[in-house]
Amino acid sequence: MAAIRRAVQWIQNRYKTDYPLLHPGLATDGLSLLVEEIGHLVNASEQGQAEMRQIIDVYLRRIARDPSGKPQLFYPFTRDVRESFVADLPRHIVIDPAVAYGRPVIAGTRIPAAVIAERFAAGDAPEMLAADYDIRLEDVHEAIRIRHDRIAA
């Protein structure tokens, strides 16, 4: 928390704002707070250190923003980024603060990924889950994968 407070304070001072977490260029890679500044990424957690854009962009492309630039949706990785060509990584799971209290759900539905994964862990076959929830089999596999990865972590 202390590191986050320092990053927020840095953003507040740098951009002269009372609401640093609403800055339109604010993003995160899961570890640091980043700010887009004139085509460059600046790491607020490191007091303005420049970031390697091509590496961070892989993660930032998983964020859907509204027309004003504010983040709306996040499509978490369900696989190791190093395993796949990034353009091929699926977007079957979404985190939307307005749906299921921001818990991961099957994209386009309100079905929590955890429900699918728990039923699978209880012995239900993926094909049965797909039929029960009227979703694609790939959605079921991604829900199981994200839930399993979170438990393993």
N, C-alpha and C. Protein backbone atom coordinates (compact mmCIF):
# COMPACT_ATOMS: atom_id res chain seq x y z
N MET A 1 0.82 -1.20 0.00
CA MET A 1 0.00 0.00 0.00
C MET A 1 0.86 1.26 0.00
N ALA A 2 1.98 1.21 0.67
CA ALA A 2 2.84 2.40 0.71
C ALA A 2 3.32 2.77 -0.68
N ALA A 3 3.66 1.76 -1.49
CA ALA A 3 4.13 2.02 -2.86
C ALA A 3 3.01 2.63 -3.70
N ILE A 4 1.80 2.15 -3.52
CA ILE A 4 0.66 2.71 -4.26
C ILE A 4 0.41 4.15 -3.85
N ARG A 5 0.48 4.41 -2.54
CA ARG A 5 0.29 5.79 -2.07
C ARG A 5 1.34 6.73 -2.65
N ARG A 6 2.60 6.26 -2.72
CA ARG A 6 3.65 7.10 -3.31
C ARG A 6 3.38 7.36 -4.79
N ALA A 7 2.93 6.34 -5.52
CA ALA A 7 2.63 6.51 -6.94
C ALA A 7 1.47 7.49 -7.14
N VAL A 8 0.42 7.34 -6.33
CA VAL A 8 -0.73 8.24 -6.42
C VAL A 8 -0.30 9.67 -6.11
N GLN A 9 0.52 9.83 -5.09
CA GLN A 9 1.03 11.16 -4.73
C GLN A 9 1.86 11.76 -5.87
N TRP A 10 2.67 10.94 -6.52
CA TRP A 10 3.48 11.40 -7.65
C TRP A 10 2.58 11.89 -8.78
N ILE A 11 1.53 11.12 -9.11
CA ILE A 11 0.59 11.52 -10.16
C ILE A 11 -0.11 12.82 -9.78
N GLN A 12 -0.53 12.90 -8.53
CA GLN A 12 -1.22 14.10 -8.05
C GLN A 12 -0.33 15.34 -8.19
N ASN A 13 0.91 15.25 -7.82
CA ASN A 13 1.83 16.37 -7.91
C ASN A 13 2.20 16.69 -9.35
N ARG A 14 2.49 15.66 -10.14
CA ARG A 14 2.93 15.86 -11.53
C ARG A 14 1.85 16.49 -12.39
N TYR A 15 0.60 16.04 -12.21
CA TYR A 15 -0.49 16.48 -13.08
C TYR A 15 -1.43 17.48 -12.41
N LYS A 16 -1.07 17.92 -11.21
CA LYS A 16 -1.85 18.95 -10.49
C LYS A 16 -3.35 18.60 -10.47
N THR A 17 -3.66 17.44 -9.93
CA THR A 17 -5.04 16.98 -9.87
C THR A 17 -5.40 16.52 -8.47
N ASP A 18 -6.65 16.74 -8.11
CA ASP A 18 -7.14 16.25 -6.82
C ASP A 18 -7.61 14.80 -6.92
N TYR A 19 -7.76 14.29 -8.16
CA TYR A 19 -8.26 12.94 -8.39
C TYR A 19 -7.30 12.15 -9.28
N PRO A 20 -6.15 11.79 -8.76
CA PRO A 20 -5.13 11.14 -9.60
C PRO A 20 -5.56 9.79 -10.17
N LEU A 21 -6.42 9.07 -9.49
CA LEU A 21 -6.83 7.76 -9.99
C LEU A 21 -7.85 7.85 -11.12
N LEU A 22 -8.31 9.06 -11.43
CA LEU A 22 -9.20 9.28 -12.57
C LEU A 22 -8.46 9.85 -13.78
N HIS A 23 -7.16 9.94 -13.69
CA HIS A 23 -6.38 10.44 -14.82
C HIS A 23 -6.67 9.57 -16.05
N PRO A 24 -7.03 10.16 -17.21
CA PRO A 24 -7.41 9.37 -18.38
C PRO A 24 -6.32 8.47 -18.93
N GLY A 25 -5.07 8.77 -18.68
CA GLY A 25 -3.98 7.95 -19.19
C GLY A 25 -3.49 6.91 -18.19
N LEU A 26 -4.18 6.76 -17.07
CA LEU A 26 -3.75 5.84 -16.03
C LEU A 26 -3.98 4.38 -16.43
N ALA A 27 -3.01 3.55 -16.17
CA ALA A 27 -3.12 2.11 -16.46
C ALA A 27 -2.25 1.37 -15.45
N THR A 28 -2.35 0.06 -15.49
CA THR A 28 -1.49 -0.75 -14.64
C THR A 28 -1.09 -2.01 -15.39
N ASP A 29 0.06 -2.54 -15.04
CA ASP A 29 0.49 -3.82 -15.58
C ASP A 29 0.32 -4.91 -14.54
N GLY A 30 -0.37 -4.58 -13.46
CA GLY A 30 -0.58 -5.52 -12.37
C GLY A 30 0.41 -5.33 -11.24
N LEU A 31 1.48 -4.61 -11.51
CA LEU A 31 2.49 -4.36 -10.50
C LEU A 31 2.69 -2.87 -10.24
N SER A 32 2.59 -2.08 -11.29
CA SER A 32 2.90 -0.65 -11.19
C SER A 32 1.76 0.18 -11.75
N LEU A 33 1.70 1.44 -11.31
CA LEU A 33 0.78 2.40 -11.91
C LEU A 33 1.54 3.11 -13.03
N LEU A 34 0.93 3.14 -14.21
CA LEU A 34 1.54 3.73 -15.39
C LEU A 34 0.67 4.87 -15.89
N VAL A 35 1.30 5.86 -16.51
CA VAL A 35 0.58 6.98 -17.09
C VAL A 35 1.09 7.20 -18.50
N GLU A 36 0.14 7.31 -19.45
CA GLU A 36 0.54 7.62 -20.82
C GLU A 36 0.77 9.12 -20.90
N GLU A 37 1.93 9.48 -21.40
CA GLU A 37 2.32 10.89 -21.43
C GLU A 37 2.98 11.17 -22.78
N ILE A 38 2.24 11.85 -23.66
CA ILE A 38 2.74 12.24 -24.98
C ILE A 38 3.36 11.06 -25.72
N GLY A 39 2.62 9.98 -25.83
CA GLY A 39 3.06 8.82 -26.57
C GLY A 39 4.05 7.92 -25.86
N HIS A 40 4.38 8.23 -24.62
CA HIS A 40 5.31 7.41 -23.84
C HIS A 40 4.60 6.91 -22.59
N LEU A 41 5.08 5.80 -22.08
CA LEU A 41 4.56 5.31 -20.81
C LEU A 41 5.53 5.67 -19.71
N VAL A 42 4.97 6.24 -18.64
CA VAL A 42 5.75 6.64 -17.49
C VAL A 42 5.28 5.81 -16.31
N ASN A 43 6.22 5.27 -15.56
CA ASN A 43 5.90 4.46 -14.40
C ASN A 43 5.82 5.35 -13.17
N ALA A 44 4.58 5.61 -12.72
CA ALA A 44 4.37 6.47 -11.55
C ALA A 44 4.89 5.78 -10.30
N SER A 45 4.88 4.46 -10.27
CA SER A 45 5.37 3.72 -9.11
C SER A 45 6.88 3.86 -8.95
N GLU A 46 7.54 4.22 -10.04
CA GLU A 46 8.99 4.43 -10.03
C GLU A 46 9.32 5.91 -10.23
N GLN A 47 8.41 6.77 -9.80
CA GLN A 47 8.61 8.22 -9.83
C GLN A 47 8.95 8.77 -11.21
N GLY A 48 8.26 8.25 -12.24
CA GLY A 48 8.40 8.80 -13.58
C GLY A 48 9.35 8.09 -14.51
N GLN A 49 9.83 6.93 -14.13
CA GLN A 49 10.73 6.18 -15.01
C GLN A 49 9.99 5.79 -16.29
N ALA A 50 10.67 5.92 -17.42
CA ALA A 50 10.07 5.54 -18.71
C ALA A 50 10.00 4.02 -18.81
N GLU A 51 8.95 3.52 -19.47
CA GLU A 51 8.74 2.08 -19.63
C GLU A 51 8.94 1.68 -21.09
N MET A 52 9.24 0.42 -21.30
CA MET A 52 9.39 -0.12 -22.66
C MET A 52 8.00 -0.39 -23.21
N ARG A 53 7.54 0.46 -24.08
CA ARG A 53 6.18 0.45 -24.59
C ARG A 53 5.76 -0.89 -25.19
N GLN A 54 6.61 -1.50 -26.01
CA GLN A 54 6.21 -2.72 -26.69
C GLN A 54 5.91 -3.85 -25.72
N ILE A 55 6.56 -3.88 -24.57
CA ILE A 55 6.29 -4.93 -23.58
C ILE A 55 4.99 -4.62 -22.83
N ILE A 56 4.82 -3.41 -22.39
CA ILE A 56 3.64 -3.02 -21.63
C ILE A 56 2.39 -3.03 -22.50
N ASP A 57 2.52 -2.70 -23.78
CA ASP A 57 1.35 -2.66 -24.67
C ASP A 57 0.62 -3.99 -24.75
N VAL A 58 1.33 -5.09 -24.61
CA VAL A 58 0.69 -6.41 -24.62
C VAL A 58 -0.39 -6.47 -23.55
N TYR A 59 -0.11 -5.90 -22.41
CA TYR A 59 -1.06 -5.91 -21.30
C TYR A 59 -2.12 -4.82 -21.45
N LEU A 60 -1.71 -3.66 -21.90
CA LEU A 60 -2.65 -2.54 -22.02
C LEU A 60 -3.71 -2.78 -23.09
N ARG A 61 -3.39 -3.60 -24.10
CA ARG A 61 -4.38 -3.91 -25.14
C ARG A 61 -5.53 -4.76 -24.60
N ARG A 62 -5.39 -5.29 -23.42
CA ARG A 62 -6.44 -6.10 -22.80
C ARG A 62 -7.45 -5.23 -22.07
N ILE A 63 -7.28 -3.92 -22.12
CA ILE A 63 -8.19 -2.99 -21.45
C ILE A 63 -9.03 -2.29 -22.50
N ALA A 64 -10.37 -2.36 -22.35
CA ALA A 64 -11.28 -1.63 -23.24
C ALA A 64 -11.63 -0.32 -22.54
N ARG A 65 -11.53 0.76 -23.28
CA ARG A 65 -11.78 2.09 -22.71
C ARG A 65 -13.01 2.73 -23.35
N ASP A 66 -13.63 3.65 -22.61
CA ASP A 66 -14.76 4.39 -23.17
C ASP A 66 -14.21 5.51 -24.05
N PRO A 67 -15.07 6.25 -24.74
CA PRO A 67 -14.59 7.31 -25.64
C PRO A 67 -13.71 8.38 -24.97
N SER A 68 -13.90 8.57 -23.66
CA SER A 68 -13.08 9.58 -22.98
C SER A 68 -11.74 9.02 -22.52
N GLY A 69 -11.53 7.72 -22.71
CA GLY A 69 -10.25 7.11 -22.34
C GLY A 69 -10.26 6.40 -21.00
N LYS A 70 -11.38 6.42 -20.30
CA LYS A 70 -11.44 5.75 -19.00
C LYS A 70 -11.61 4.24 -19.19
N PRO A 71 -10.89 3.46 -18.41
CA PRO A 71 -11.03 2.00 -18.53
C PRO A 71 -12.44 1.53 -18.18
N GLN A 72 -12.97 0.60 -18.99
CA GLN A 72 -14.30 0.05 -18.75
C GLN A 72 -14.24 -1.44 -18.47
N LEU A 73 -13.51 -2.17 -19.30
CA LEU A 73 -13.45 -3.62 -19.22
C LEU A 73 -12.00 -4.08 -19.24
N PHE A 74 -11.76 -5.22 -18.62
CA PHE A 74 -10.44 -5.82 -18.66
C PHE A 74 -10.59 -7.29 -19.02
N TYR A 75 -9.84 -7.71 -20.03
CA TYR A 75 -9.84 -9.10 -20.46
C TYR A 75 -8.56 -9.75 -19.93
N PRO A 76 -8.65 -10.45 -18.80
CA PRO A 76 -7.43 -11.02 -18.22
C PRO A 76 -6.87 -12.15 -19.08
N PHE A 77 -5.57 -12.34 -18.98
CA PHE A 77 -4.94 -13.45 -19.67
C PHE A 77 -5.35 -14.74 -18.99
N THR A 78 -5.70 -15.73 -19.78
CA THR A 78 -6.03 -17.04 -19.23
C THR A 78 -4.92 -18.03 -19.54
N ARG A 79 -3.91 -17.56 -20.23
CA ARG A 79 -2.75 -18.39 -20.58
C ARG A 79 -1.49 -17.58 -20.38
N ASP A 80 -0.38 -18.26 -20.31
CA ASP A 80 0.91 -17.60 -20.20
C ASP A 80 1.16 -16.84 -21.50
N VAL A 81 1.44 -15.57 -21.40
CA VAL A 81 1.68 -14.72 -22.57
C VAL A 81 2.83 -15.27 -23.41
N ARG A 82 3.79 -15.88 -22.78
CA ARG A 82 4.96 -16.39 -23.51
C ARG A 82 4.62 -17.62 -24.34
N GLU A 83 3.49 -18.29 -24.03
CA GLU A 83 3.12 -19.52 -24.74
C GLU A 83 2.52 -19.26 -26.12
N SER A 84 1.92 -18.10 -26.32
CA SER A 84 1.14 -17.87 -27.53
C SER A 84 1.56 -16.61 -28.24
N PHE A 85 1.17 -16.55 -29.49
CA PHE A 85 1.25 -15.30 -30.23
C PHE A 85 0.18 -14.40 -29.62
N VAL A 86 0.54 -13.22 -29.19
CA VAL A 86 -0.36 -12.37 -28.41
C VAL A 86 -1.68 -12.10 -29.13
N ALA A 87 -1.66 -11.94 -30.43
CA ALA A 87 -2.90 -11.66 -31.16
C ALA A 87 -3.89 -12.82 -31.07
N ASP A 88 -3.38 -14.02 -30.79
CA ASP A 88 -4.24 -15.20 -30.72
C ASP A 88 -4.82 -15.45 -29.34
N LEU A 89 -4.41 -14.70 -28.34
CA LEU A 89 -4.88 -14.95 -26.99
C LEU A 89 -6.37 -14.62 -26.88
N PRO A 90 -7.16 -15.56 -26.37
CA PRO A 90 -8.62 -15.38 -26.35
C PRO A 90 -9.10 -14.31 -25.37
N ARG A 91 -10.29 -13.81 -25.66
CA ARG A 91 -10.95 -12.83 -24.80
C ARG A 91 -12.32 -13.37 -24.40
N HIS A 92 -12.31 -14.56 -23.84
CA HIS A 92 -13.56 -15.21 -23.44
C HIS A 92 -14.00 -14.77 -22.04
N ILE A 93 -13.06 -14.30 -21.24
CA ILE A 93 -13.33 -13.90 -19.86
C ILE A 93 -13.14 -12.38 -19.77
N VAL A 94 -14.05 -11.72 -19.04
CA VAL A 94 -13.97 -10.28 -18.89
C VAL A 94 -14.20 -9.88 -17.44
N ILE A 95 -13.56 -8.81 -17.03
CA ILE A 95 -13.81 -8.21 -15.73
C ILE A 95 -14.43 -6.85 -15.99
N ASP A 96 -15.66 -6.70 -15.52
CA ASP A 96 -16.43 -5.48 -15.71
C ASP A 96 -16.93 -5.05 -14.33
N PRO A 97 -16.52 -3.88 -13.85
CA PRO A 97 -16.94 -3.44 -12.52
C PRO A 97 -18.46 -3.38 -12.36
N ALA A 98 -19.20 -3.28 -13.47
CA ALA A 98 -20.66 -3.18 -13.40
C ALA A 98 -21.34 -4.55 -13.42
N VAL A 99 -20.57 -5.61 -13.54
CA VAL A 99 -21.14 -6.97 -13.61
C VAL A 99 -20.48 -7.85 -12.55
N ALA A 100 -21.27 -8.53 -11.76
CA ALA A 100 -20.79 -9.49 -10.76
C ALA A 100 -19.75 -8.89 -9.82
N TYR A 101 -19.92 -7.62 -9.49
CA TYR A 101 -19.00 -6.93 -8.57
C TYR A 101 -17.55 -6.98 -9.04
N GLY A 102 -17.35 -7.01 -10.35
CA GLY A 102 -16.00 -6.99 -10.90
C GLY A 102 -15.30 -8.33 -10.90
N ARG A 103 -16.02 -9.41 -10.61
CA ARG A 103 -15.41 -10.75 -10.69
C ARG A 103 -15.39 -11.21 -12.14
N PRO A 104 -14.45 -12.07 -12.51
CA PRO A 104 -14.39 -12.56 -13.90
C PRO A 104 -15.66 -13.31 -14.29
N VAL A 105 -16.20 -12.94 -15.47
CA VAL A 105 -17.38 -13.60 -16.02
C VAL A 105 -17.10 -14.00 -17.46
N ILE A 106 -17.96 -14.86 -18.00
CA ILE A 106 -17.87 -15.21 -19.41
C ILE A 106 -18.26 -13.96 -20.20
N ALA A 107 -17.44 -13.54 -21.15
CA ALA A 107 -17.71 -12.33 -21.94
C ALA A 107 -19.08 -12.41 -22.60
N GLY A 108 -19.84 -11.32 -22.50
CA GLY A 108 -21.16 -11.25 -23.11
C GLY A 108 -22.26 -11.85 -22.26
N THR A 109 -21.90 -12.32 -21.05
CA THR A 109 -22.88 -12.91 -20.14
C THR A 109 -22.66 -12.34 -18.74
N ARG A 110 -23.42 -12.81 -17.82
CA ARG A 110 -23.23 -12.47 -16.41
C ARG A 110 -22.85 -13.73 -15.62
N ILE A 111 -22.36 -14.74 -16.33
CA ILE A 111 -22.04 -16.02 -15.71
C ILE A 111 -20.62 -15.96 -15.12
N PRO A 112 -20.49 -16.06 -13.80
CA PRO A 112 -19.16 -16.02 -13.19
C PRO A 112 -18.30 -17.21 -13.60
N ALA A 113 -17.06 -16.94 -13.94
CA ALA A 113 -16.12 -18.00 -14.30
C ALA A 113 -15.97 -18.98 -13.14
N ALA A 114 -16.04 -18.50 -11.93
CA ALA A 114 -15.88 -19.36 -10.75
C ALA A 114 -16.98 -20.42 -10.68
N VAL A 115 -18.19 -20.08 -11.08
CA VAL A 115 -19.30 -21.05 -11.05
C VAL A 115 -19.01 -22.19 -12.01
N ILE A 116 -18.55 -21.86 -13.21
CA ILE A 116 -18.22 -22.88 -14.20
C ILE A 116 -17.09 -23.77 -13.66
N ALA A 117 -16.05 -23.14 -13.14
CA ALA A 117 -14.89 -23.88 -12.64
C ALA A 117 -15.26 -24.77 -11.46
N GLU A 118 -16.11 -24.28 -10.58
CA GLU A 118 -16.52 -25.08 -9.42
C GLU A 118 -17.34 -26.29 -9.83
N ARG A 119 -18.22 -26.11 -10.80
CA ARG A 119 -19.00 -27.25 -11.28
C ARG A 119 -18.11 -28.27 -11.97
N PHE A 120 -17.11 -27.78 -12.71
CA PHE A 120 -16.16 -28.69 -13.35
C PHE A 120 -15.40 -29.47 -12.28
N ALA A 121 -14.93 -28.76 -11.23
CA ALA A 121 -14.20 -29.42 -10.16
C ALA A 121 -15.07 -30.45 -9.43
N ALA A 122 -16.38 -30.24 -9.43
CA ALA A 122 -17.30 -31.17 -8.79
C ALA A 122 -17.61 -32.38 -9.67
N GLY A 123 -17.12 -32.37 -10.90
CA GLY A 123 -17.28 -33.53 -11.76
C GLY A 123 -18.12 -33.35 -13.01
N ASP A 124 -18.67 -32.16 -13.23
CA ASP A 124 -19.47 -31.93 -14.44
C ASP A 124 -18.55 -31.83 -15.66
N ALA A 125 -18.96 -32.43 -16.74
CA ALA A 125 -18.18 -32.41 -17.99
C ALA A 125 -18.30 -31.04 -18.66
N PRO A 126 -17.24 -30.58 -19.31
CA PRO A 126 -17.30 -29.29 -20.01
C PRO A 126 -18.45 -29.20 -21.01
N GLU A 127 -18.73 -30.28 -21.73
CA GLU A 127 -19.83 -30.26 -22.71
C GLU A 127 -21.17 -30.04 -22.01
N MET A 128 -21.34 -30.64 -20.84
CA MET A 128 -22.57 -30.46 -20.08
C MET A 128 -22.71 -29.02 -19.59
N LEU A 129 -21.61 -28.45 -19.14
CA LEU A 129 -21.63 -27.06 -18.66
C LEU A 129 -21.97 -26.11 -19.80
N ALA A 130 -21.38 -26.34 -20.98
CA ALA A 130 -21.66 -25.50 -22.14
C ALA A 130 -23.15 -25.55 -22.48
N ALA A 131 -23.73 -26.75 -22.43
CA ALA A 131 -25.16 -26.91 -22.73
C ALA A 131 -26.03 -26.27 -21.64
N ASP A 132 -25.68 -26.47 -20.39
CA ASP A 132 -26.47 -25.91 -19.28
C ASP A 132 -26.54 -24.39 -19.32
N TYR A 133 -25.43 -23.75 -19.66
CA TYR A 133 -25.37 -22.29 -19.65
C TYR A 133 -25.53 -21.67 -21.04
N ASP A 134 -25.70 -22.50 -22.05
CA ASP A 134 -25.85 -22.05 -23.42
C ASP A 134 -24.67 -21.15 -23.83
N ILE A 135 -23.47 -21.67 -23.58
CA ILE A 135 -22.24 -20.96 -23.96
C ILE A 135 -21.38 -21.91 -24.78
N ARG A 136 -20.35 -21.34 -25.39
CA ARG A 136 -19.44 -22.15 -26.21
C ARG A 136 -18.53 -22.99 -25.32
N LEU A 137 -18.11 -24.11 -25.85
CA LEU A 137 -17.20 -24.99 -25.12
C LEU A 137 -15.89 -24.26 -24.80
N GLU A 138 -15.43 -23.40 -25.72
CA GLU A 138 -14.20 -22.63 -25.48
C GLU A 138 -14.35 -21.73 -24.25
N ASP A 139 -15.56 -21.17 -24.07
CA ASP A 139 -15.81 -20.33 -22.89
C ASP A 139 -15.65 -21.13 -21.61
N VAL A 140 -16.17 -22.35 -21.63
CA VAL A 140 -16.06 -23.23 -20.46
C VAL A 140 -14.59 -23.51 -20.16
N HIS A 141 -13.82 -23.84 -21.18
CA HIS A 141 -12.40 -24.15 -20.98
C HIS A 141 -11.63 -22.94 -20.43
N GLU A 142 -11.94 -21.75 -20.94
CA GLU A 142 -11.25 -20.54 -20.45
C GLU A 142 -11.64 -20.22 -19.02
N ALA A 143 -12.91 -20.43 -18.66
CA ALA A 143 -13.36 -20.20 -17.28
C ALA A 143 -12.63 -21.15 -16.33
N ILE A 144 -12.49 -22.38 -16.74
CA ILE A 144 -11.77 -23.37 -15.92
C ILE A 144 -10.31 -22.96 -15.80
N ARG A 145 -9.74 -22.54 -16.92
CA ARG A 145 -8.32 -22.17 -16.95
C ARG A 145 -8.03 -20.97 -16.05
N ILE A 146 -8.84 -19.93 -16.11
CA ILE A 146 -8.55 -18.73 -15.30
C ILE A 146 -8.75 -19.04 -13.83
N ARG A 147 -9.74 -19.80 -13.51
CA ARG A 147 -10.00 -20.14 -12.10
C ARG A 147 -8.87 -21.02 -11.57
N HIS A 148 -8.46 -21.99 -12.35
CA HIS A 148 -7.36 -22.89 -11.94
C HIS A 148 -6.07 -22.11 -11.74
N ASP A 149 -5.77 -21.19 -12.64
CA ASP A 149 -4.55 -20.40 -12.54
C ASP A 149 -4.56 -19.52 -11.30
N ARG A 150 -5.71 -18.96 -10.96
CA ARG A 150 -5.79 -18.10 -9.77
C ARG A 150 -5.60 -18.91 -8.49
N ILE A 151 -6.14 -20.12 -8.47
CA ILE A 151 -5.99 -20.98 -7.29
C ILE A 151 -4.53 -21.42 -7.18
N ALA A 152 -3.92 -21.78 -8.31
CA ALA A 152 -2.53 -22.23 -8.30
C ALA A 152 -1.57 -21.13 -7.86
N ALA A 153 -1.92 -19.87 -8.17
CA ALA A 153 -1.06 -18.74 -7.80
C ALA A 153 -1.18 -18.52 -6.33
